[in-house]
PDB file of N, CA and C in Angstrom:
ATOM      1  N   MET A   1     -50.061  -0.232   0.005  1.00  0.00           N
ATOM      2  CA  MET A   1     -48.801  -0.439  -0.705  1.00  0.00           C
ATOM      3  C   MET A   1     -48.539  -1.936  -0.929  1.00  0.00           C
ATOM      4  N   LYS A   2     -48.898  -2.746   0.082  1.00  0.00           N
ATOM      5  CA  LYS A   2     -48.699  -4.187  -0.025  1.00  0.00           C
ATOM      6  C   LYS A   2     -49.539  -4.756  -1.182  1.00  0.00           C
ATOM      7  N   ASN A   3     -50.774  -4.269  -1.317  1.00  0.00           N
ATOM      8  CA  ASN A   3     -51.640  -4.729  -2.408  1.00  0.00           C
ATOM      9  C   ASN A   3     -51.070  -4.345  -3.765  1.00  0.00           C
ATOM     10  N   PHE A   4     -50.499  -3.151  -3.842  1.00  0.00           N
ATOM     11  CA  PHE A   4     -49.899  -2.697  -5.095  1.00  0.00           C
ATOM     12  C   PHE A   4     -48.726  -3.594  -5.483  1.00  0.00           C
ATOM     13  N   CYS A   5     -47.889  -3.928  -4.517  1.00  0.00           N
ATOM     14  CA  CYS A   5     -46.732  -4.793  -4.796  1.00  0.00           C
ATOM     15  C   CYS A   5     -47.190  -6.175  -5.254  1.00  0.00           C
ATOM     16  N   THR A   6     -48.220  -6.694  -4.593  1.00  0.00           N
ATOM     17  CA  THR A   6     -48.749  -8.000  -4.982  1.00  0.00           C
ATOM     18  C   THR A   6     -49.303  -7.953  -6.395  1.00  0.00           C
ATOM     19  N   LEU A   7     -50.076  -6.933  -6.676  1.00  0.00           N
ATOM     20  CA  LEU A   7     -50.639  -6.773  -8.013  1.00  0.00           C
ATOM     21  C   LEU A   7     -49.537  -6.633  -9.063  1.00  0.00           C
ATOM     22  N   PHE A   8     -48.520  -5.856  -8.748  1.00  0.00           N
ATOM     23  CA  PHE A   8     -47.393  -5.660  -9.665  1.00  0.00           C
ATOM     24  C   PHE A   8     -46.707  -6.990  -9.965  1.00  0.00           C
ATOM     25  N   LEU A   9     -46.474  -7.797  -8.927  1.00  0.00           N
ATOM     26  CA  LEU A   9     -45.808  -9.088  -9.127  1.00  0.00           C
ATOM     27  C   LEU A   9     -46.672 -10.027  -9.965  1.00  0.00           C
ATOM     28  N   LEU A  10     -47.974 -10.018  -9.733  1.00  0.00           N
ATOM     29  CA  LEU A  10     -48.870 -10.853 -10.531  1.00  0.00           C
ATOM     30  C   LEU A  10     -48.867 -10.443 -11.999  1.00  0.00           C
ATOM     31  N   VAL A  11     -48.915  -9.158 -12.252  1.00  0.00           N
ATOM     32  CA  VAL A  11     -48.906  -8.662 -13.634  1.00  0.00           C
ATOM     33  C   VAL A  11     -47.567  -8.979 -14.298  1.00  0.00           C
ATOM     34  N   ALA A  12     -46.472  -8.767 -13.582  1.00  0.00           N
ATOM     35  CA  ALA A  12     -45.147  -9.044 -14.147  1.00  0.00           C
ATOM     36  C   ALA A  12     -44.994 -10.524 -14.479  1.00  0.00           C
ATOM     37  N   THR A  13     -45.491 -11.394 -13.597  1.00  0.00           N
ATOM     38  CA  THR A  13     -45.421 -12.836 -13.841  1.00  0.00           C
ATOM     39  C   THR A  13     -46.261 -13.213 -15.060  1.00  0.00           C
ATOM     40  N   ALA A  14     -47.459 -12.676 -15.141  1.00  0.00           N
ATOM     41  CA  ALA A  14     -48.329 -12.971 -16.283  1.00  0.00           C
ATOM     42  C   ALA A  14     -47.696 -12.507 -17.590  1.00  0.00           C
ATOM     43  N   LEU A  15     -47.105 -11.328 -17.582  1.00  0.00           N
ATOM     44  CA  LEU A  15     -46.453 -10.821 -18.801  1.00  0.00           C
ATOM     45  C   LEU A  15     -45.261 -11.680 -19.191  1.00  0.00           C
ATOM     46  N   SER A  16     -44.518 -12.139 -18.203  1.00  0.00           N
ATOM     47  CA  SER A  16     -43.370 -12.998 -18.475  1.00  0.00           C
ATOM     48  C   SER A  16     -43.817 -14.321 -19.102  1.00  0.00           C
ATOM     49  N   LEU A  17     -44.874 -14.925 -18.539  1.00  0.00           N
ATOM     50  CA  LEU A  17     -45.382 -16.179 -19.099  1.00  0.00           C
ATOM     51  C   LEU A  17     -45.906 -15.968 -20.509  1.00  0.00           C
ATOM     52  N   HIS A  18     -46.599 -14.861 -20.721  1.00  0.00           N
ATOM     53  CA  HIS A  18     -47.128 -14.555 -22.052  1.00  0.00           C
ATOM     54  C   HIS A  18     -45.986 -14.392 -23.060  1.00  0.00           C
ATOM     55  N   ALA A  19     -44.913 -13.732 -22.660  1.00  0.00           N
ATOM     56  CA  ALA A  19     -43.769 -13.534 -23.558  1.00  0.00           C
ATOM     57  C   ALA A  19     -43.134 -14.873 -23.919  1.00  0.00           C
ATOM     58  N   GLN A  20     -43.061 -15.808 -22.947  1.00  0.00           N
ATOM     59  CA  GLN A  20     -42.477 -17.113 -23.241  1.00  0.00           C
ATOM     60  C   GLN A  20     -43.368 -17.918 -24.182  1.00  0.00           C
ATOM     61  N   VAL A  21     -44.674 -17.849 -23.980  1.00  0.00           N
ATOM     62  CA  VAL A  21     -45.596 -18.545 -24.883  1.00  0.00           C
ATOM     63  C   VAL A  21     -45.481 -17.942 -26.278  1.00  0.00           C
ATOM     64  N   ASP A  22     -45.409 -16.614 -26.348  1.00  0.00           N
ATOM     65  CA  ASP A  22     -45.230 -15.965 -27.644  1.00  0.00           C
ATOM     66  C   ASP A  22     -43.931 -16.396 -28.297  1.00  0.00           C
ATOM     67  N   SER A  23     -42.868 -16.630 -27.501  1.00  0.00           N
ATOM     68  CA  SER A  23     -41.598 -17.041 -28.088  1.00  0.00           C
ATOM     69  C   SER A  23     -41.727 -18.419 -28.739  1.00  0.00           C
ATOM     70  N   LEU A  24     -42.554 -19.301 -28.171  1.00  0.00           N
ATOM     71  CA  LEU A  24     -42.791 -20.594 -28.802  1.00  0.00           C
ATOM     72  C   LEU A  24     -43.551 -20.415 -30.113  1.00  0.00           C
ATOM     73  N   ASP A  25     -44.546 -19.541 -30.105  1.00  0.00           N
ATOM     74  CA  ASP A  25     -45.297 -19.266 -31.330  1.00  0.00           C
ATOM     75  C   ASP A  25     -44.386 -18.677 -32.405  1.00  0.00           C
ATOM     76  N   LYS A  26     -43.508 -17.759 -32.022  1.00  0.00           N
ATOM     77  CA  LYS A  26     -42.576 -17.140 -32.967  1.00  0.00           C
ATOM     78  C   LYS A  26     -41.610 -18.186 -33.514  1.00  0.00           C
ATOM     79  N   LEU A  27     -41.089 -19.028 -32.629  1.00  0.00           N
ATOM     80  CA  LEU A  27     -40.180 -20.090 -33.062  1.00  0.00           C
ATOM     81  C   LEU A  27     -40.887 -21.014 -34.052  1.00  0.00           C
ATOM     82  N   SER A  28     -42.107 -21.376 -33.742  1.00  0.00           N
ATOM     83  CA  SER A  28     -42.873 -22.245 -34.633  1.00  0.00           C
ATOM     84  C   SER A  28     -43.086 -21.607 -36.001  1.00  0.00           C
ATOM     85  N   ASP A  29     -43.517 -20.361 -36.007  1.00  0.00           N
ATOM     86  CA  ASP A  29     -43.725 -19.655 -37.282  1.00  0.00           C
ATOM     87  C   ASP A  29     -42.431 -19.577 -38.091  1.00  0.00           C
ATOM     88  N   ASP A  30     -41.341 -19.199 -37.412  1.00  0.00           N
ATOM     89  CA  ASP A  30     -40.046 -19.081 -38.097  1.00  0.00           C
ATOM     90  C   ASP A  30     -39.599 -20.429 -38.667  1.00  0.00           C
ATOM     91  N   PHE A  31     -39.771 -21.494 -37.872  1.00  0.00           N
ATOM     92  CA  PHE A  31     -39.326 -22.811 -38.326  1.00  0.00           C
ATOM     93  C   PHE A  31     -40.112 -23.287 -39.548  1.00  0.00           C
ATOM     94  N   TRP A  32     -41.450 -23.156 -39.516  1.00  0.00           N
ATOM     95  CA  TRP A  32     -42.249 -23.655 -40.624  1.00  0.00           C
ATOM     96  C   TRP A  32     -42.030 -22.834 -41.893  1.00  0.00           C
ATOM     97  N   THR A  33     -41.760 -21.552 -41.751  1.00  0.00           N
ATOM     98  CA  THR A  33     -41.405 -20.732 -42.913  1.00  0.00           C
ATOM     99  C   THR A  33     -40.081 -21.207 -43.492  1.00  0.00           C
ATOM    100  N   TRP A  34     -39.104 -21.448 -42.613  1.00  0.00           N
ATOM    101  CA  TRP A  34     -37.785 -21.943 -43.027  1.00  0.00           C
ATOM    102  C   TRP A  34     -37.918 -23.306 -43.695  1.00  0.00           C
ATOM    103  N   ARG A  35     -38.701 -24.187 -43.104  1.00  0.00           N
ATOM    104  CA  ARG A  35     -38.860 -25.539 -43.652  1.00  0.00           C
ATOM    105  C   ARG A  35     -39.509 -25.503 -45.032  1.00  0.00           C
ATOM    106  N   ALA A  36     -40.509 -24.672 -45.192  1.00  0.00           N
ATOM    107  CA  ALA A  36     -41.164 -24.578 -46.508  1.00  0.00           C
ATOM    108  C   ALA A  36     -40.187 -24.074 -47.565  1.00  0.00           C
ATOM    109  N   LYS A  37     -39.322 -23.164 -47.167  1.00  0.00           N
ATOM    110  CA  LYS A  37     -38.368 -22.588 -48.119  1.00  0.00           C
ATOM    111  C   LYS A  37     -37.339 -23.622 -48.578  1.00  0.00           C
ATOM    112  N   TYR A  38     -36.885 -24.468 -47.664  1.00  0.00           N
ATOM    113  CA  TYR A  38     -35.777 -25.366 -47.977  1.00  0.00           C
ATOM    114  C   TYR A  38     -36.177 -26.819 -48.201  1.00  0.00           C
ATOM    115  N   ALA A  39     -37.430 -27.182 -47.951  1.00  0.00           N
ATOM    116  CA  ALA A  39     -37.834 -28.577 -48.136  1.00  0.00           C
ATOM    117  C   ALA A  39     -37.709 -28.965 -49.602  1.00  0.00           C
ATOM    118  N   PRO A  40     -37.200 -30.167 -49.844  1.00  0.00           N
ATOM    119  CA  PRO A  40     -37.095 -30.606 -51.236  1.00  0.00           C
ATOM    120  C   PRO A  40     -38.480 -30.814 -51.846  1.00  0.00           C
ATOM    121  N   PHE A  41     -38.545 -30.714 -53.139  1.00  0.00           N
ATOM    122  CA  PHE A  41     -39.790 -31.017 -53.835  1.00  0.00           C
ATOM    123  C   PHE A  41     -40.044 -32.513 -53.700  1.00  0.00           C
ATOM    124  N   ASN A  42     -41.302 -32.903 -53.736  1.00  0.00           N
ATOM    125  CA  ASN A  42     -41.583 -34.333 -53.769  1.00  0.00           C
ATOM    126  C   ASN A  42     -42.800 -34.569 -54.645  1.00  0.00           C
ATOM    127  N   GLY A  43     -42.990 -35.812 -55.003  1.00  0.00           N
ATOM    128  CA  GLY A  43     -44.083 -36.160 -55.901  1.00  0.00           C
ATOM    129  C   GLY A  43     -45.342 -36.595 -55.171  1.00  0.00           C
ATOM    130  N   ASP A  44     -45.420 -36.351 -53.890  1.00  0.00           N
ATOM    131  CA  ASP A  44     -46.587 -36.743 -53.108  1.00  0.00           C
ATOM    132  C   ASP A  44     -47.831 -36.069 -53.658  1.00  0.00           C
ATOM    133  N   ASP A  45     -48.878 -36.835 -53.864  1.00  0.00           N
ATOM    134  CA  ASP A  45     -50.098 -36.255 -54.425  1.00  0.00           C
ATOM    135  C   ASP A  45     -50.964 -35.585 -53.348  1.00  0.00           C
ATOM    136  N   VAL A  46     -50.572 -35.695 -52.087  1.00  0.00           N
ATOM    137  CA  VAL A  46     -51.268 -35.019 -50.989  1.00  0.00           C
ATOM    138  C   VAL A  46     -50.242 -34.117 -50.292  1.00  0.00           C
ATOM    139  N   PRO A  47     -50.087 -32.906 -50.791  1.00  0.00           N
ATOM    140  CA  PRO A  47     -49.065 -32.038 -50.199  1.00  0.00           C
ATOM    141  C   PRO A  47     -49.391 -31.701 -48.747  1.00  0.00           C
ATOM    142  N   ARG A  48     -48.409 -31.811 -47.892  1.00  0.00           N
ATOM    143  CA  ARG A  48     -48.585 -31.521 -46.476  1.00  0.00           C
ATOM    144  C   ARG A  48     -48.435 -30.026 -46.196  1.00  0.00           C
ATOM    145  N   MET A  49     -47.820 -29.324 -47.132  1.00  0.00           N
ATOM    146  CA  MET A  49     -47.587 -27.899 -46.954  1.00  0.00           C
ATOM    147  C   MET A  49     -47.325 -27.259 -48.310  1.00  0.00           C
ATOM    148  N   GLU A  50     -47.585 -25.986 -48.398  1.00  0.00           N
ATOM    149  CA  GLU A  50     -47.274 -25.249 -49.626  1.00  0.00           C
ATOM    150  C   GLU A  50     -45.780 -24.950 -49.641  1.00  0.00           C
ATOM    151  N   ARG A  51     -45.169 -25.155 -50.779  1.00  0.00           N
ATOM    152  CA  ARG A  51     -43.744 -24.866 -50.925  1.00  0.00           C
ATOM    153  C   ARG A  51     -43.569 -23.835 -52.028  1.00  0.00           C
ATOM    154  N   PRO A  52     -42.675 -22.884 -51.785  1.00  0.00           N
ATOM    155  CA  PRO A  52     -42.416 -21.931 -52.865  1.00  0.00           C
ATOM    156  C   PRO A  52     -41.767 -22.656 -54.040  1.00  0.00           C
ATOM    157  N   GLY A  53     -42.061 -22.191 -55.223  1.00  0.00           N
ATOM    158  CA  GLY A  53     -41.477 -22.796 -56.412  1.00  0.00           C
ATOM    159  C   GLY A  53     -40.027 -22.386 -56.569  1.00  0.00           C
ATOM    160  N   GLY A  54     -39.465 -22.753 -57.675  1.00  0.00           N
ATOM    161  CA  GLY A  54     -38.094 -22.364 -57.949  1.00  0.00           C
ATOM    162  C   GLY A  54     -37.141 -23.534 -57.890  1.00  0.00           C
ATOM    163  N   VAL A  55     -35.882 -23.217 -57.784  1.00  0.00           N
ATOM    164  CA  VAL A  55     -34.819 -24.212 -57.775  1.00  0.00           C
ATOM    165  C   VAL A  55     -34.198 -24.244 -56.384  1.00  0.00           C
ATOM    166  N   ARG A  56     -33.950 -25.442 -55.858  1.00  0.00           N
ATOM    167  CA  ARG A  56     -33.294 -25.580 -54.561  1.00  0.00           C
ATOM    168  C   ARG A  56     -31.779 -25.550 -54.761  1.00  0.00           C
ATOM    169  N   ASP A  57     -31.106 -24.881 -53.848  1.00  0.00           N
ATOM    170  CA  ASP A  57     -29.645 -24.784 -53.884  1.00  0.00           C
ATOM    171  C   ASP A  57     -29.072 -25.877 -52.985  1.00  0.00           C
ATOM    172  N   TRP A  58     -28.376 -26.834 -53.588  1.00  0.00           N
ATOM    173  CA  TRP A  58     -27.793 -27.933 -52.832  1.00  0.00           C
ATOM    174  C   TRP A  58     -26.271 -27.800 -52.718  1.00  0.00           C
ATOM    175  N   SER A  59     -25.772 -26.596 -52.855  1.00  0.00           N
ATOM    176  CA  SER A  59     -24.322 -26.390 -52.731  1.00  0.00           C
ATOM    177  C   SER A  59     -23.879 -26.610 -51.280  1.00  0.00           C
ATOM    178  N   ARG A  60     -22.587 -26.830 -51.102  1.00  0.00           N
ATOM    179  CA  ARG A  60     -22.031 -27.033 -49.767  1.00  0.00           C
ATOM    180  C   ARG A  60     -22.340 -25.851 -48.857  1.00  0.00           C
ATOM    181  N   ALA A  61     -22.197 -24.640 -49.369  1.00  0.00           N
ATOM    182  CA  ALA A  61     -22.453 -23.437 -48.561  1.00  0.00           C
ATOM    183  C   ALA A  61     -23.914 -23.367 -48.120  1.00  0.00           C
ATOM    184  N   SER A  62     -24.815 -23.723 -49.019  1.00  0.00           N
ATOM    185  CA  SER A  62     -26.235 -23.692 -48.689  1.00  0.00           C
ATOM    186  C   SER A  62     -26.576 -24.732 -47.622  1.00  0.00           C
ATOM    187  N   ILE A  63     -26.025 -25.915 -47.745  1.00  0.00           N
ATOM    188  CA  ILE A  63     -26.280 -26.975 -46.761  1.00  0.00           C
ATOM    189  C   ILE A  63     -25.707 -26.568 -45.403  1.00  0.00           C
ATOM    190  N   GLU A  64     -24.526 -25.974 -45.394  1.00  0.00           N
ATOM    191  CA  GLU A  64     -23.936 -25.524 -44.128  1.00  0.00           C
ATOM    192  C   GLU A  64     -24.808 -24.444 -43.486  1.00  0.00           C
ATOM    193  N   LYS A  65     -25.374 -23.555 -44.291  1.00  0.00           N
ATOM    194  CA  LYS A  65     -26.262 -22.526 -43.748  1.00  0.00           C
ATOM    195  C   LYS A  65     -27.514 -23.159 -43.143  1.00  0.00           C
ATOM    196  N   ARG A  66     -28.055 -24.160 -43.811  1.00  0.00           N
ATOM    197  CA  ARG A  66     -29.236 -24.849 -43.278  1.00  0.00           C
ATOM    198  C   ARG A  66     -28.915 -25.536 -41.956  1.00  0.00           C
ATOM    199  N   ARG A  67     -27.741 -26.141 -41.882  1.00  0.00           N
ATOM    200  CA  ARG A  67     -27.339 -26.793 -40.625  1.00  0.00           C
ATOM    201  C   ARG A  67     -27.205 -25.775 -39.502  1.00  0.00           C
ATOM    202  N   LYS A  68     -26.637 -24.620 -39.818  1.00  0.00           N
ATOM    203  CA  LYS A  68     -26.501 -23.557 -38.820  1.00  0.00           C
ATOM    204  C   LYS A  68     -27.876 -23.049 -38.395  1.00  0.00           C
ATOM    205  N   ASP A  69     -28.751 -22.830 -39.373  1.00  0.00           N
ATOM    206  CA  ASP A  69     -30.117 -22.388 -39.065  1.00  0.00           C
ATOM    207  C   ASP A  69     -30.812 -23.397 -38.154  1.00  0.00           C
ATOM    208  N   LEU A  70     -30.661 -24.677 -38.466  1.00  0.00           N
ATOM    209  CA  LEU A  70     -31.299 -25.717 -37.675  1.00  0.00           C
ATOM    210  C   LEU A  70     -30.746 -25.729 -36.245  1.00  0.00           C
ATOM    211  N   ALA A  71     -29.446 -25.556 -36.098  1.00  0.00           N
ATOM    212  CA  ALA A  71     -28.846 -25.478 -34.762  1.00  0.00           C
ATOM    213  C   ALA A  71     -29.371 -24.260 -34.006  1.00  0.00           C
ATOM    214  N   ASP A  72     -29.568 -23.149 -34.704  1.00  0.00           N
ATOM    215  CA  ASP A  72     -30.137 -21.953 -34.069  1.00  0.00           C
ATOM    216  C   ASP A  72     -31.570 -22.210 -33.599  1.00  0.00           C
ATOM    217  N   PHE A  73     -32.365 -22.914 -34.410  1.00  0.00           N
ATOM    218  CA  PHE A  73     -33.728 -23.256 -33.997  1.00  0.00           C
ATOM    219  C   PHE A  73     -33.703 -24.120 -32.737  1.00  0.00           C
ATOM    220  N   GLU A  74     -32.809 -25.097 -32.716  1.00  0.00           N
ATOM    221  CA  GLU A  74     -32.730 -25.979 -31.552  1.00  0.00           C
ATOM    222  C   GLU A  74     -32.304 -25.199 -30.307  1.00  0.00           C
ATOM    223  N   SER A  75     -31.378 -24.282 -30.469  1.00  0.00           N
ATOM    224  CA  SER A  75     -30.939 -23.447 -29.348  1.00  0.00           C
ATOM    225  C   SER A  75     -32.095 -22.602 -28.813  1.00  0.00           C
ATOM    226  N   ARG A  76     -32.848 -21.980 -29.722  1.00  0.00           N
ATOM    227  CA  ARG A  76     -34.003 -21.176 -29.304  1.00  0.00           C
ATOM    228  C   ARG A  76     -35.020 -22.038 -28.572  1.00  0.00           C
ATOM    229  N   TRP A  77     -35.255 -23.245 -29.084  1.00  0.00           N
ATOM    230  CA  TRP A  77     -36.219 -24.151 -28.479  1.00  0.00           C
ATOM    231  C   TRP A  77     -35.792 -24.530 -27.059  1.00  0.00           C
ATOM    232  N   LYS A  78     -34.511 -24.842 -26.875  1.00  0.00           N
ATOM    233  CA  LYS A  78     -34.026 -25.261 -25.560  1.00  0.00           C
ATOM    234  C   LYS A  78     -34.029 -24.123 -24.543  1.00  0.00           C
ATOM    235  N   LYS A  79     -34.024 -22.879 -24.990  1.00  0.00           N
ATOM    236  CA  LYS A  79     -34.054 -21.731 -24.077  1.00  0.00           C
ATOM    237  C   LYS A  79     -35.459 -21.420 -23.568  1.00  0.00           C
ATOM    238  N   ILE A  80     -36.468 -22.005 -24.181  1.00  0.00           N
ATOM    239  CA  ILE A  80     -37.845 -21.737 -23.764  1.00  0.00           C
ATOM    240  C   ILE A  80     -38.125 -22.495 -22.472  1.00  0.00           C
ATOM    241  N   GLU A  81     -38.518 -21.777 -21.454  1.00  0.00           N
ATOM    242  CA  GLU A  81     -38.825 -22.356 -20.145  1.00  0.00           C
ATOM    243  C   GLU A  81     -40.338 -22.508 -20.016  1.00  0.00           C
ATOM    244  N   ALA A  82     -40.811 -23.744 -20.034  1.00  0.00           N
ATOM    245  CA  ALA A  82     -42.253 -23.989 -20.055  1.00  0.00           C
ATOM    246  C   ALA A  82     -42.803 -24.505 -18.728  1.00  0.00           C
ATOM    247  N   LYS A  83     -41.960 -24.659 -17.730  1.00  0.00           N
ATOM    248  CA  LYS A  83     -42.436 -25.307 -16.498  1.00  0.00           C
ATOM    249  C   LYS A  83     -43.530 -24.517 -15.777  1.00  0.00           C
ATOM    250  N   ASN A  84     -43.620 -23.210 -15.966  1.00  0.00           N
ATOM    251  CA  ASN A  84     -44.643 -22.408 -15.295  1.00  0.00           C
ATOM    252  C   ASN A  84     -45.826 -22.070 -16.197  1.00  0.00           C
ATOM    253  N   TRP A  85     -45.874 -22.675 -17.365  1.00  0.00           N
ATOM    254  CA  TRP A  85     -46.983 -22.407 -18.279  1.00  0.00           C
ATOM    255  C   TRP A  85     -48.259 -23.057 -17.767  1.00  0.00           C
ATOM    256  N   PRO A  86     -49.416 -22.563 -18.213  1.00  0.00           N
ATOM    257  CA  PRO A  86     -50.661 -23.248 -17.902  1.00  0.00           C
ATOM    258  C   PRO A  86     -50.649 -24.656 -18.500  1.00  0.00           C
ATOM    259  N   VAL A  87     -51.304 -25.589 -17.836  1.00  0.00           N
ATOM    260  CA  VAL A  87     -51.276 -26.996 -18.249  1.00  0.00           C
ATOM    261  C   VAL A  87     -51.677 -27.195 -19.718  1.00  0.00           C
ATOM    262  N   PRO A  88     -52.769 -26.583 -20.207  1.00  0.00           N
ATOM    263  CA  PRO A  88     -53.119 -26.829 -21.622  1.00  0.00           C
ATOM    264  C   PRO A  88     -52.009 -26.431 -22.592  1.00  0.00           C
ATOM    265  N   ARG A  89     -51.309 -25.357 -22.293  1.00  0.00           N
ATOM    266  CA  ARG A  89     -50.222 -24.921 -23.170  1.00  0.00           C
ATOM    267  C   ARG A  89     -48.989 -25.771 -22.960  1.00  0.00           C
ATOM    268  N   LYS A  90     -48.748 -26.190 -21.746  1.00  0.00           N
ATOM    269  CA  LYS A  90     -47.570 -26.983 -21.421  1.00  0.00           C
ATOM    270  C   LYS A  90     -47.584 -28.324 -22.152  1.00  0.00           C
ATOM    271  N   SER A  91     -48.750 -28.919 -22.350  1.00  0.00           N
ATOM    272  CA  SER A  91     -48.829 -30.229 -22.988  1.00  0.00           C
ATOM    273  C   SER A  91     -48.326 -30.205 -24.424  1.00  0.00           C
ATOM    274  N   ILE A  92     -48.290 -29.020 -25.036  1.00  0.00           N
ATOM    275  CA  ILE A  92     -47.775 -28.898 -26.393  1.00  0.00           C
ATOM    276  C   ILE A  92     -46.294 -29.205 -26.444  1.00  0.00           C
ATOM    277  N   THR A  93     -45.552 -28.860 -25.375  1.00  0.00           N
ATOM    278  CA  THR A  93     -44.096 -29.025 -25.387  1.00  0.00           C
ATOM    279  C   THR A  93     -43.651 -30.354 -24.819  1.00  0.00           C
ATOM    280  N   ASP A  94     -44.553 -31.133 -24.227  1.00  0.00           N
ATOM    281  CA  ASP A  94     -44.177 -32.407 -23.611  1.00  0.00           C
ATOM    282  C   ASP A  94     -43.983 -33.497 -24.645  1.00  0.00           C
TER     283      ASP A  94
END
């Protein structure tokens, strides 16, 4: 029974760490999708990222939504607990 409890705790810890690492990956994917959608067009001849075409909305309501979205991203980022991550993964957040 003691071995089962130990094994259970190890598996639960590993799953928890995996979920936190996945949350960073999800946050990253969500942020870069958001950034591509709202980034202004520029005349740079070496594009750093693909941007969807169309017209950008610079209305007050749109800017306020972007600010709220950005605050939500920052909140999600600050909730990620990386102190127990493996060292190679942890260096990404340092």
